[in-house]
């Protein structure tokens, strides 16, 4: 069983983390920018991903939650490239490849 103070600490890690370097803005989330329990599957509408990136003022979103890794590149309306990267899972992979 996990102690309450450990659960409280782990919950603080679920907040989005923003990184900036060389004019590249990246946001790290568990589920999505809006919810830790939202799934961002690879076939998610491109406009939804672009909206999330615009809301976060980012070019790249790195997520998980589905436990299925992928990297998808989406062209924005101004022809800039947006990236969504699902890091998958080391502990509990769901892509059939442990």
PDB file of N, CA and C in Angstrom:
ATOM      1  N   UNK A   1       0.841  -1.172   0.000  1.00  0.00           N
ATOM      2  CA  UNK A   1       0.000   0.000   0.000  1.00  0.00           C
ATOM      3  C   UNK A   1       0.895   1.248   0.000  1.00  0.00           C
ATOM      4  N   UNK A   2       0.479   2.241  -0.755  1.00  0.00           N
ATOM      5  CA  UNK A   2       1.240   3.488  -0.852  1.00  0.00           C
ATOM      6  C   UNK A   2       0.754   4.456   0.219  1.00  0.00           C
ATOM      7  N   UNK A   3       1.691   5.055   0.934  1.00  0.00           N
ATOM      8  CA  UNK A   3       1.351   6.017   1.979  1.00  0.00           C
ATOM      9  C   UNK A   3       0.706   7.258   1.366  1.00  0.00           C
ATOM     10  N   UNK A   4      -0.184   7.909   2.123  1.00  0.00           N
ATOM     11  CA  UNK A   4      -0.900   9.083   1.625  1.00  0.00           C
ATOM     12  C   UNK A   4       0.049  10.182   1.170  1.00  0.00           C
ATOM     13  N   UNK A   5       1.138  10.418   1.902  1.00  0.00           N
ATOM     14  CA  UNK A   5       2.074  11.467   1.499  1.00  0.00           C
ATOM     15  C   UNK A   5       2.748  11.142   0.164  1.00  0.00           C
ATOM     16  N   UNK A   6       2.915   9.864  -0.131  1.00  0.00           N
ATOM     17  CA  UNK A   6       3.477   9.470  -1.426  1.00  0.00           C
ATOM     18  C   UNK A   6       2.462   9.675  -2.544  1.00  0.00           C
ATOM     19  N   UNK A   7       1.203   9.346  -2.286  1.00  0.00           N
ATOM     20  CA  UNK A   7       0.139   9.580  -3.263  1.00  0.00           C
ATOM     21  C   UNK A   7       0.021  11.071  -3.538  1.00  0.00           C
ATOM     22  N   UNK A   8       0.042  11.884  -2.476  1.00  0.00           N
ATOM     23  CA  UNK A   8      -0.035  13.341  -2.639  1.00  0.00           C
ATOM     24  C   UNK A   8       1.113  13.847  -3.508  1.00  0.00           C
ATOM     25  N   UNK A   9       2.315  13.346  -3.276  1.00  0.00           N
ATOM     26  CA  UNK A   9       3.469  13.751  -4.081  1.00  0.00           C
ATOM     27  C   UNK A   9       3.290  13.334  -5.538  1.00  0.00           C
ATOM     28  N   UNK A  10       2.864  12.105  -5.773  1.00  0.00           N
ATOM     29  CA  UNK A  10       2.691  11.619  -7.142  1.00  0.00           C
ATOM     30  C   UNK A  10       1.651  12.442  -7.900  1.00  0.00           C
ATOM     31  N   UNK A  11       0.610  12.881  -7.200  1.00  0.00           N
ATOM     32  CA  UNK A  11      -0.407  13.705  -7.857  1.00  0.00           C
ATOM     33  C   UNK A  11       0.151  15.041  -8.324  1.00  0.00           C
ATOM     34  N   UNK A  12       1.166  15.551  -7.654  1.00  0.00           N
ATOM     35  CA  UNK A  12       1.770  16.820  -8.098  1.00  0.00           C
ATOM     36  C   UNK A  12       2.545  16.626  -9.398  1.00  0.00           C
ATOM     37  N   UNK A  13       2.967  15.425  -9.692  1.00  0.00           N
ATOM     38  CA  UNK A  13       3.726  15.153 -10.916  1.00  0.00           C
ATOM     39  C   UNK A  13       2.839  15.126 -12.152  1.00  0.00           C
ATOM     40  N   UNK A  14       1.514  15.092 -11.967  1.00  0.00           N
ATOM     41  CA  UNK A  14       0.601  14.986 -13.091  1.00  0.00           C
ATOM     42  C   UNK A  14       0.321  16.331 -13.761  1.00  0.00           C
ATOM     43  N   UNK A  15       0.825  17.409 -13.203  1.00  0.00           N
ATOM     44  CA  UNK A  15       0.631  18.722 -13.820  1.00  0.00           C
ATOM     45  C   UNK A  15       1.487  18.824 -15.080  1.00  0.00           C
ATOM     46  N   UNK A  16       0.997  19.525 -16.112  1.00  0.00           N
ATOM     47  CA  UNK A  16       1.804  19.698 -17.328  1.00  0.00           C
ATOM     48  C   UNK A  16       3.135  20.379 -17.013  1.00  0.00           C
ATOM     49  N   UNK A  17       4.165  19.948 -17.693  1.00  0.00           N
ATOM     50  CA  UNK A  17       5.502  20.530 -17.559  1.00  0.00           C
ATOM     51  C   UNK A  17       5.859  21.169 -18.891  1.00  0.00           C
ATOM     52  N   UNK A  18       6.252  22.441 -18.863  1.00  0.00           N
ATOM     53  CA  UNK A  18       6.645  23.138 -20.088  1.00  0.00           C
ATOM     54  C   UNK A  18       8.157  23.249 -20.147  1.00  0.00           C
ATOM     55  N   UNK A  19       8.713  22.960 -21.317  1.00  0.00           N
ATOM     56  CA  UNK A  19      10.144  23.096 -21.563  1.00  0.00           C
ATOM     57  C   UNK A  19      10.347  23.995 -22.773  1.00  0.00           C
ATOM     58  N   UNK A  20      11.345  24.850 -22.719  1.00  0.00           N
ATOM     59  CA  UNK A  20      11.668  25.720 -23.845  1.00  0.00           C
ATOM     60  C   UNK A  20      13.165  25.657 -24.101  1.00  0.00           C
ATOM     61  N   UNK A  21      13.543  25.498 -25.385  1.00  0.00           N
ATOM     62  CA  UNK A  21      14.943  25.584 -25.778  1.00  0.00           C
ATOM     63  C   UNK A  21      15.020  25.819 -27.279  1.00  0.00           C
ATOM     64  N   UNK A  22      15.931  26.686 -27.693  1.00  0.00           N
ATOM     65  CA  UNK A  22      16.137  27.001 -29.116  1.00  0.00           C
ATOM     66  C   UNK A  22      14.838  27.293 -29.860  1.00  0.00           C
ATOM     67  N   UNK A  23      13.968  28.100 -29.282  1.00  0.00           N
ATOM     68  CA  UNK A  23      12.680  28.469 -29.881  1.00  0.00           C
ATOM     69  C   UNK A  23      11.742  27.287 -30.091  1.00  0.00           C
ATOM     70  N   UNK A  24      11.981  26.219 -29.397  1.00  0.00           N
ATOM     71  CA  UNK A  24      11.087  25.059 -29.432  1.00  0.00           C
ATOM     72  C   UNK A  24      10.409  24.979 -28.067  1.00  0.00           C
ATOM     73  N   UNK A  25       9.095  24.923 -28.086  1.00  0.00           N
ATOM     74  CA  UNK A  25       8.324  24.831 -26.850  1.00  0.00           C
ATOM     75  C   UNK A  25       7.665  23.464 -26.778  1.00  0.00           C
ATOM     76  N   UNK A  26       7.906  22.776 -25.688  1.00  0.00           N
ATOM     77  CA  UNK A  26       7.408  21.420 -25.516  1.00  0.00           C
ATOM     78  C   UNK A  26       6.589  21.357 -24.237  1.00  0.00           C
ATOM     79  N   UNK A  27       5.513  20.583 -24.285  1.00  0.00           N
ATOM     80  CA  UNK A  27       4.709  20.358 -23.091  1.00  0.00           C
ATOM     81  C   UNK A  27       4.652  18.859 -22.817  1.00  0.00           C
ATOM     82  N   UNK A  28       4.879  18.484 -21.577  1.00  0.00           N
ATOM     83  CA  UNK A  28       4.851  17.085 -21.153  1.00  0.00           C
ATOM     84  C   UNK A  28       3.609  16.885 -20.289  1.00  0.00           C
ATOM     85  N   UNK A  29       2.787  15.929 -20.661  1.00  0.00           N
ATOM     86  CA  UNK A  29       1.555  15.646 -19.924  1.00  0.00           C
ATOM     87  C   UNK A  29       1.409  14.139 -19.748  1.00  0.00           C
ATOM     88  N   UNK A  30       0.567  13.754 -18.822  1.00  0.00           N
ATOM     89  CA  UNK A  30       0.288  12.323 -18.682  1.00  0.00           C
ATOM     90  C   UNK A  30      -0.776  11.899 -19.687  1.00  0.00           C
ATOM     91  N   UNK A  31      -1.955  12.489 -19.583  1.00  0.00           N
ATOM     92  CA  UNK A  31      -3.051  12.159 -20.499  1.00  0.00           C
ATOM     93  C   UNK A  31      -3.111  13.157 -21.632  1.00  0.00           C
ATOM     94  N   UNK A  32      -3.591  14.356 -21.314  1.00  0.00           N
ATOM     95  CA  UNK A  32      -3.633  15.444 -22.298  1.00  0.00           C
ATOM     96  C   UNK A  32      -3.403  16.751 -21.545  1.00  0.00           C
ATOM     97  N   UNK A  33      -3.416  17.829 -22.259  1.00  0.00           N
ATOM     98  CA  UNK A  33      -3.257  19.140 -21.630  1.00  0.00           C
ATOM     99  C   UNK A  33      -4.416  19.430 -20.682  1.00  0.00           C
ATOM    100  N   UNK A  34      -5.582  18.866 -20.966  1.00  0.00           N
ATOM    101  CA  UNK A  34      -6.795  19.200 -20.221  1.00  0.00           C
ATOM    102  C   UNK A  34      -7.159  18.200 -19.132  1.00  0.00           C
ATOM    103  N   UNK A  35      -6.679  16.967 -19.234  1.00  0.00           N
ATOM    104  CA  UNK A  35      -7.058  15.945 -18.257  1.00  0.00           C
ATOM    105  C   UNK A  35      -6.011  14.836 -18.225  1.00  0.00           C
ATOM    106  N   UNK A  36      -5.671  14.404 -17.025  1.00  0.00           N
ATOM    107  CA  UNK A  36      -4.716  13.307 -16.871  1.00  0.00           C
ATOM    108  C   UNK A  36      -5.296  11.964 -17.297  1.00  0.00           C
ATOM    109  N   UNK A  37      -6.607  11.888 -17.429  1.00  0.00           N
ATOM    110  CA  UNK A  37      -7.239  10.625 -17.795  1.00  0.00           C
ATOM    111  C   UNK A  37      -7.711  10.593 -19.253  1.00  0.00           C
ATOM    112  N   UNK A  38      -7.439  11.661 -20.000  1.00  0.00           N
ATOM    113  CA  UNK A  38      -7.848  11.701 -21.409  1.00  0.00           C
ATOM    114  C   UNK A  38      -6.822  10.947 -22.259  1.00  0.00           C
ATOM    115  N   UNK A  39      -7.296  10.128 -23.165  1.00  0.00           N
ATOM    116  CA  UNK A  39      -6.427   9.375 -24.063  1.00  0.00           C
ATOM    117  C   UNK A  39      -6.174  10.169 -25.344  1.00  0.00           C
ATOM    118  N   UNK A  40      -4.914  10.281 -25.730  1.00  0.00           N
ATOM    119  CA  UNK A  40      -4.563  10.878 -27.020  1.00  0.00           C
ATOM    120  C   UNK A  40      -4.041   9.764 -27.924  1.00  0.00           C
ATOM    121  N   UNK A  41      -4.978   9.055 -28.516  1.00  0.00           N
ATOM    122  CA  UNK A  41      -4.613   7.968 -29.425  1.00  0.00           C
ATOM    123  C   UNK A  41      -4.040   8.535 -30.724  1.00  0.00           C
ATOM    124  N   UNK A  42      -3.315   7.713 -31.427  1.00  0.00           N
ATOM    125  CA  UNK A  42      -2.640   8.136 -32.655  1.00  0.00           C
ATOM    126  C   UNK A  42      -3.609   8.639 -33.715  1.00  0.00           C
ATOM    127  N   UNK A  43      -4.834   8.137 -33.719  1.00  0.00           N
ATOM    128  CA  UNK A  43      -5.804   8.545 -34.743  1.00  0.00           C
ATOM    129  C   UNK A  43      -6.658   9.744 -34.302  1.00  0.00           C
ATOM    130  N   UNK A  44      -6.257  10.416 -33.243  1.00  0.00           N
ATOM    131  CA  UNK A  44      -6.982  11.603 -32.766  1.00  0.00           C
ATOM    132  C   UNK A  44      -6.978  12.677 -33.848  1.00  0.00           C
ATOM    133  N   UNK A  45      -8.067  13.399 -33.974  1.00  0.00           N
ATOM    134  CA  UNK A  45      -8.186  14.475 -34.972  1.00  0.00           C
ATOM    135  C   UNK A  45      -7.000  15.433 -34.847  1.00  0.00           C
ATOM    136  N   UNK A  46      -6.379  15.738 -35.969  1.00  0.00           N
ATOM    137  CA  UNK A  46      -5.243  16.647 -35.975  1.00  0.00           C
ATOM    138  C   UNK A  46      -5.578  18.012 -35.421  1.00  0.00           C
ATOM    139  N   UNK A  47      -6.782  18.497 -35.698  1.00  0.00           N
ATOM    140  CA  UNK A  47      -7.171  19.834 -35.212  1.00  0.00           C
ATOM    141  C   UNK A  47      -7.242  19.854 -33.692  1.00  0.00           C
ATOM    142  N   UNK A  48      -7.616  18.731 -33.055  1.00  0.00           N
ATOM    143  CA  UNK A  48      -7.637  18.666 -31.590  1.00  0.00           C
ATOM    144  C   UNK A  48      -6.231  18.825 -31.022  1.00  0.00           C
ATOM    145  N   UNK A  49      -5.287  18.147 -31.649  1.00  0.00           N
ATOM    146  CA  UNK A  49      -3.894  18.227 -31.195  1.00  0.00           C
ATOM    147  C   UNK A  49      -3.367  19.643 -31.402  1.00  0.00           C
ATOM    148  N   UNK A  50      -3.639  20.217 -32.556  1.00  0.00           N
ATOM    149  CA  UNK A  50      -3.187  21.579 -32.843  1.00  0.00           C
ATOM    150  C   UNK A  50      -3.792  22.562 -31.843  1.00  0.00           C
ATOM    151  N   UNK A  51      -5.070  22.394 -31.506  1.00  0.00           N
ATOM    152  CA  UNK A  51      -5.699  23.267 -30.504  1.00  0.00           C
ATOM    153  C   UNK A  51      -4.995  23.165 -29.155  1.00  0.00           C
ATOM    154  N   UNK A  52      -4.646  21.946 -28.747  1.00  0.00           N
ATOM    155  CA  UNK A  52      -3.924  21.772 -27.487  1.00  0.00           C
ATOM    156  C   UNK A  52      -2.572  22.461 -27.536  1.00  0.00           C
ATOM    157  N   UNK A  53      -1.883  22.300 -28.658  1.00  0.00           N
ATOM    158  CA  UNK A  53      -0.571  22.921 -28.789  1.00  0.00           C
ATOM    159  C   UNK A  53      -0.678  24.436 -28.799  1.00  0.00           C
ATOM    160  N   UNK A  54      -1.684  24.953 -29.472  1.00  0.00           N
ATOM    161  CA  UNK A  54      -1.876  26.410 -29.480  1.00  0.00           C
ATOM    162  C   UNK A  54      -2.226  26.919 -28.085  1.00  0.00           C
ATOM    163  N   UNK A  55      -3.094  26.198 -27.365  1.00  0.00           N
ATOM    164  CA  UNK A  55      -3.460  26.600 -26.002  1.00  0.00           C
ATOM    165  C   UNK A  55      -2.242  26.632 -25.083  1.00  0.00           C
ATOM    166  N   UNK A  56      -1.318  25.712 -25.305  1.00  0.00           N
ATOM    167  CA  UNK A  56      -0.136  25.642 -24.446  1.00  0.00           C
ATOM    168  C   UNK A  56       1.048  26.426 -25.016  1.00  0.00           C
ATOM    169  N   UNK A  57       0.844  27.044 -26.195  1.00  0.00           N
ATOM    170  CA  UNK A  57       1.912  27.777 -26.880  1.00  0.00           C
ATOM    171  C   UNK A  57       3.134  26.884 -27.069  1.00  0.00           C
ATOM    172  N   UNK A  58       2.866  25.666 -27.550  1.00  0.00           N
ATOM    173  CA  UNK A  58       3.920  24.670 -27.738  1.00  0.00           C
ATOM    174  C   UNK A  58       3.938  24.155 -29.164  1.00  0.00           C
ATOM    175  N   UNK A  59       5.063  23.559 -29.559  1.00  0.00           N
ATOM    176  CA  UNK A  59       5.217  22.917 -30.857  1.00  0.00           C
ATOM    177  C   UNK A  59       5.148  21.397 -30.749  1.00  0.00           C
ATOM    178  N   UNK A  60       5.424  20.923 -29.537  1.00  0.00           N
ATOM    179  CA  UNK A  60       5.519  19.477 -29.309  1.00  0.00           C
ATOM    180  C   UNK A  60       4.760  19.136 -28.033  1.00  0.00           C
ATOM    181  N   UNK A  61       3.983  18.061 -28.100  1.00  0.00           N
ATOM    182  CA  UNK A  61       3.351  17.533 -26.892  1.00  0.00           C
ATOM    183  C   UNK A  61       3.825  16.093 -26.725  1.00  0.00           C
ATOM    184  N   UNK A  62       4.289  15.783 -25.524  1.00  0.00           N
ATOM    185  CA  UNK A  62       4.696  14.420 -25.183  1.00  0.00           C
ATOM    186  C   UNK A  62       3.702  13.927 -24.141  1.00  0.00           C
ATOM    187  N   UNK A  63       3.081  12.795 -24.449  1.00  0.00           N
ATOM    188  CA  UNK A  63       2.048  12.264 -23.562  1.00  0.00           C
ATOM    189  C   UNK A  63       2.290  10.789 -23.299  1.00  0.00           C
ATOM    190  N   UNK A  64       1.396  10.189 -22.556  1.00  0.00           N
ATOM    191  CA  UNK A  64       1.451   8.758 -22.253  1.00  0.00           C
ATOM    192  C   UNK A  64       0.029   8.257 -22.103  1.00  0.00           C
ATOM    193  N   UNK A  65      -0.279   7.696 -20.990  1.00  0.00           N
ATOM    194  CA  UNK A  65      -1.596   7.221 -20.577  1.00  0.00           C
ATOM    195  C   UNK A  65      -2.129   6.067 -21.412  1.00  0.00           C
ATOM    196  N   UNK A  66      -1.986   6.086 -22.722  1.00  0.00           N
ATOM    197  CA  UNK A  66      -2.459   4.953 -23.518  1.00  0.00           C
ATOM    198  C   UNK A  66      -1.496   3.772 -23.405  1.00  0.00           C
ATOM    199  N   UNK A  67      -0.247   4.052 -23.044  1.00  0.00           N
ATOM    200  CA  UNK A  67       0.826   3.051 -22.946  1.00  0.00           C
ATOM    201  C   UNK A  67       1.218   2.516 -24.324  1.00  0.00           C
ATOM    202  N   UNK A  68       0.796   3.173 -25.392  1.00  0.00           N
ATOM    203  CA  UNK A  68       1.127   2.749 -26.757  1.00  0.00           C
ATOM    204  C   UNK A  68       1.966   3.847 -27.409  1.00  0.00           C
ATOM    205  N   UNK A  69       3.251   3.574 -27.691  1.00  0.00           N
ATOM    206  CA  UNK A  69       4.127   4.623 -28.228  1.00  0.00           C
ATOM    207  C   UNK A  69       3.834   4.955 -29.691  1.00  0.00           C
ATOM    208  N   UNK A  70       3.979   6.229 -30.025  1.00  0.00           N
ATOM    209  CA  UNK A  70       3.924   6.676 -31.419  1.00  0.00           C
ATOM    210  C   UNK A  70       4.491   8.083 -31.523  1.00  0.00           C
ATOM    211  N   UNK A  71       4.822   8.471 -32.723  1.00  0.00           N
ATOM    212  CA  UNK A  71       5.242   9.840 -33.041  1.00  0.00           C
ATOM    213  C   UNK A  71       4.480  10.244 -34.290  1.00  0.00           C
ATOM    214  N   UNK A  72       3.763  11.330 -34.187  1.00  0.00           N
ATOM    215  CA  UNK A  72       2.951  11.799 -35.305  1.00  0.00           C
ATOM    216  C   UNK A  72       3.285  13.262 -35.582  1.00  0.00           C
ATOM    217  N   UNK A  73       3.417  13.606 -36.849  1.00  0.00           N
ATOM    218  CA  UNK A  73       3.703  14.976 -37.259  1.00  0.00           C
ATOM    219  C   UNK A  73       2.460  15.515 -37.964  1.00  0.00           C
ATOM    220  N   UNK A  74       2.020  16.695 -37.532  1.00  0.00           N
ATOM    221  CA  UNK A  74       0.817  17.319 -38.077  1.00  0.00           C
ATOM    222  C   UNK A  74       1.199  18.693 -38.592  1.00  0.00           C
ATOM    223  N   UNK A  75       0.735  19.032 -39.791  1.00  0.00           N
ATOM    224  CA  UNK A  75       0.973  20.373 -40.328  1.00  0.00           C
ATOM    225  C   UNK A  75      -0.069  21.328 -39.793  1.00  0.00           C
ATOM    226  N   UNK A  76       0.407  22.455 -39.257  1.00  0.00           N
ATOM    227  CA  UNK A  76      -0.470  23.501 -38.770  1.00  0.00           C
ATOM    228  C   UNK A  76      -0.965  24.326 -39.950  1.00  0.00           C
ATOM    229  N   UNK A  77      -1.921  25.219 -39.714  1.00  0.00           N
ATOM    230  CA  UNK A  77      -2.467  26.042 -40.796  1.00  0.00           C
ATOM    231  C   UNK A  77      -1.407  26.915 -41.445  1.00  0.00           C
ATOM    232  N   UNK A  78      -0.383  27.307 -40.680  1.00  0.00           N
ATOM    233  CA  UNK A  78       0.682  28.127 -41.249  1.00  0.00           C
ATOM    234  C   UNK A  78       1.816  27.266 -41.821  1.00  0.00           C
ATOM    235  N   UNK A  79       1.547  25.977 -42.020  1.00  0.00           N
ATOM    236  CA  UNK A  79       2.491  24.989 -42.557  1.00  0.00           C
ATOM    237  C   UNK A  79       3.648  24.658 -41.624  1.00  0.00           C
ATOM    238  N   UNK A  80       3.599  25.133 -40.377  1.00  0.00           N
ATOM    239  CA  UNK A  80       4.610  24.712 -39.423  1.00  0.00           C
ATOM    240  C   UNK A  80       4.275  23.294 -38.953  1.00  0.00           C
ATOM    241  N   UNK A  81       5.286  22.583 -38.514  1.00  0.00           N
ATOM    242  CA  UNK A  81       5.092  21.200 -38.098  1.00  0.00           C
ATOM    243  C   UNK A  81       4.872  21.115 -36.595  1.00  0.00           C
ATOM    244  N   UNK A  82       3.869  20.369 -36.211  1.00  0.00           N
ATOM    245  CA  UNK A  82       3.569  20.098 -34.815  1.00  0.00           C
ATOM    246  C   UNK A  82       3.816  18.608 -34.585  1.00  0.00           C
ATOM    247  N   UNK A  83       4.301  18.282 -33.412  1.00  0.00           N
ATOM    248  CA  UNK A  83       4.605  16.884 -33.096  1.00  0.00           C
ATOM    249  C   UNK A  83       3.804  16.451 -31.882  1.00  0.00           C
ATOM    250  N   UNK A  84       3.278  15.243 -31.949  1.00  0.00           N
ATOM    251  CA  UNK A  84       2.722  14.594 -30.764  1.00  0.00           C
ATOM    252  C   UNK A  84       3.476  13.280 -30.617  1.00  0.00           C
ATOM    253  N   UNK A  85       4.028  13.097 -29.443  1.00  0.00           N
ATOM    254  CA  UNK A  85       4.834  11.909 -29.157  1.00  0.00           C
ATOM    255  C   UNK A  85       4.222  11.219 -27.946  1.00  0.00           C
ATOM    256  N   UNK A  86       3.842   9.974 -28.125  1.00  0.00           N
ATOM    257  CA  UNK A  86       3.389   9.185 -26.990  1.00  0.00           C
ATOM    258  C   UNK A  86       4.568   8.322 -26.580  1.00  0.00           C
ATOM    259  N   UNK A  87       5.025   8.525 -25.357  1.00  0.00           N
ATOM    260  CA  UNK A  87       6.228   7.844 -24.881  1.00  0.00           C
ATOM    261  C   UNK A  87       5.993   6.371 -24.555  1.00  0.00           C
ATOM    262  N   UNK A  88       4.748   5.937 -24.559  1.00  0.00           N
ATOM    263  CA  UNK A  88       4.462   4.540 -24.251  1.00  0.00           C
ATOM    264  C   UNK A  88       4.636   4.268 -22.765  1.00  0.00           C
ATOM    265  N   UNK A  89       5.071   3.079 -22.431  1.00  0.00           N
ATOM    266  CA  UNK A  89       5.253   2.692 -21.032  1.00  0.00           C
ATOM    267  C   UNK A  89       6.342   1.653 -20.923  1.00  0.00           C
ATOM    268  N   UNK A  90       7.222   1.838 -19.970  1.00  0.00           N
ATOM    269  CA  UNK A  90       8.262   0.848 -19.707  1.00  0.00           C
ATOM    270  C   UNK A  90       7.696  -0.259 -18.829  1.00  0.00           C
ATOM    271  N   UNK A  91       6.903   0.123 -17.846  1.00  0.00           N
ATOM    272  CA  UNK A  91       6.409  -0.814 -16.851  1.00  0.00           C
ATOM    273  C   UNK A  91       5.243  -1.649 -17.362  1.00  0.00           C
ATOM    274  N   UNK A  92       4.364  -1.034 -18.145  1.00  0.00           N
ATOM    275  CA  UNK A  92       3.148  -1.736 -18.559  1.00  0.00           C
ATOM    276  C   UNK A  92       2.847  -1.443 -20.020  1.00  0.00           C
ATOM    277  N   UNK A  93       3.659  -1.976 -20.943  1.00  0.00           N
ATOM    278  CA  UNK A  93       3.414  -1.697 -22.362  1.00  0.00           C
ATOM    279  C   UNK A  93       2.129  -2.383 -22.844  1.00  0.00           C
ATOM    280  N   UNK A  94       1.399  -1.675 -23.700  1.00  0.00           N
ATOM    281  CA  UNK A  94       0.160  -2.238 -24.247  1.00  0.00           C
ATOM    282  C   UNK A  94       0.232  -2.373 -25.761  1.00  0.00           C
ATOM    283  N   UNK A  95       1.443  -2.367 -26.309  1.00  0.00           N
ATOM    284  CA  UNK A  95       1.597  -2.517 -27.754  1.00  0.00           C
ATOM    285  C   UNK A  95       2.055  -3.926 -28.131  1.00  0.00           C
ATOM    286  N   UNK A  96       2.059  -4.831 -27.155  1.00  0.00           N
ATOM    287  CA  UNK A  96       2.441  -6.208 -27.433  1.00  0.00           C
ATOM    288  C   UNK A  96       3.944  -6.419 -27.507  1.00  0.00           C
ATOM    289  N   UNK A  97       4.739  -5.391 -27.169  1.00  0.00           N
ATOM    290  CA  UNK A  97       6.190  -5.492 -27.259  1.00  0.00           C
ATOM    291  C   UNK A  97       6.821  -5.113 -25.908  1.00  0.00           C
ATOM    292  N   UNK A  98       7.024  -6.103 -25.037  1.00  0.00           N
ATOM    293  CA  UNK A  98       7.589  -5.789 -23.710  1.00  0.00           C
ATOM    294  C   UNK A  98       9.055  -5.400 -23.802  1.00  0.00           C
TER     295      UNK A  98
END
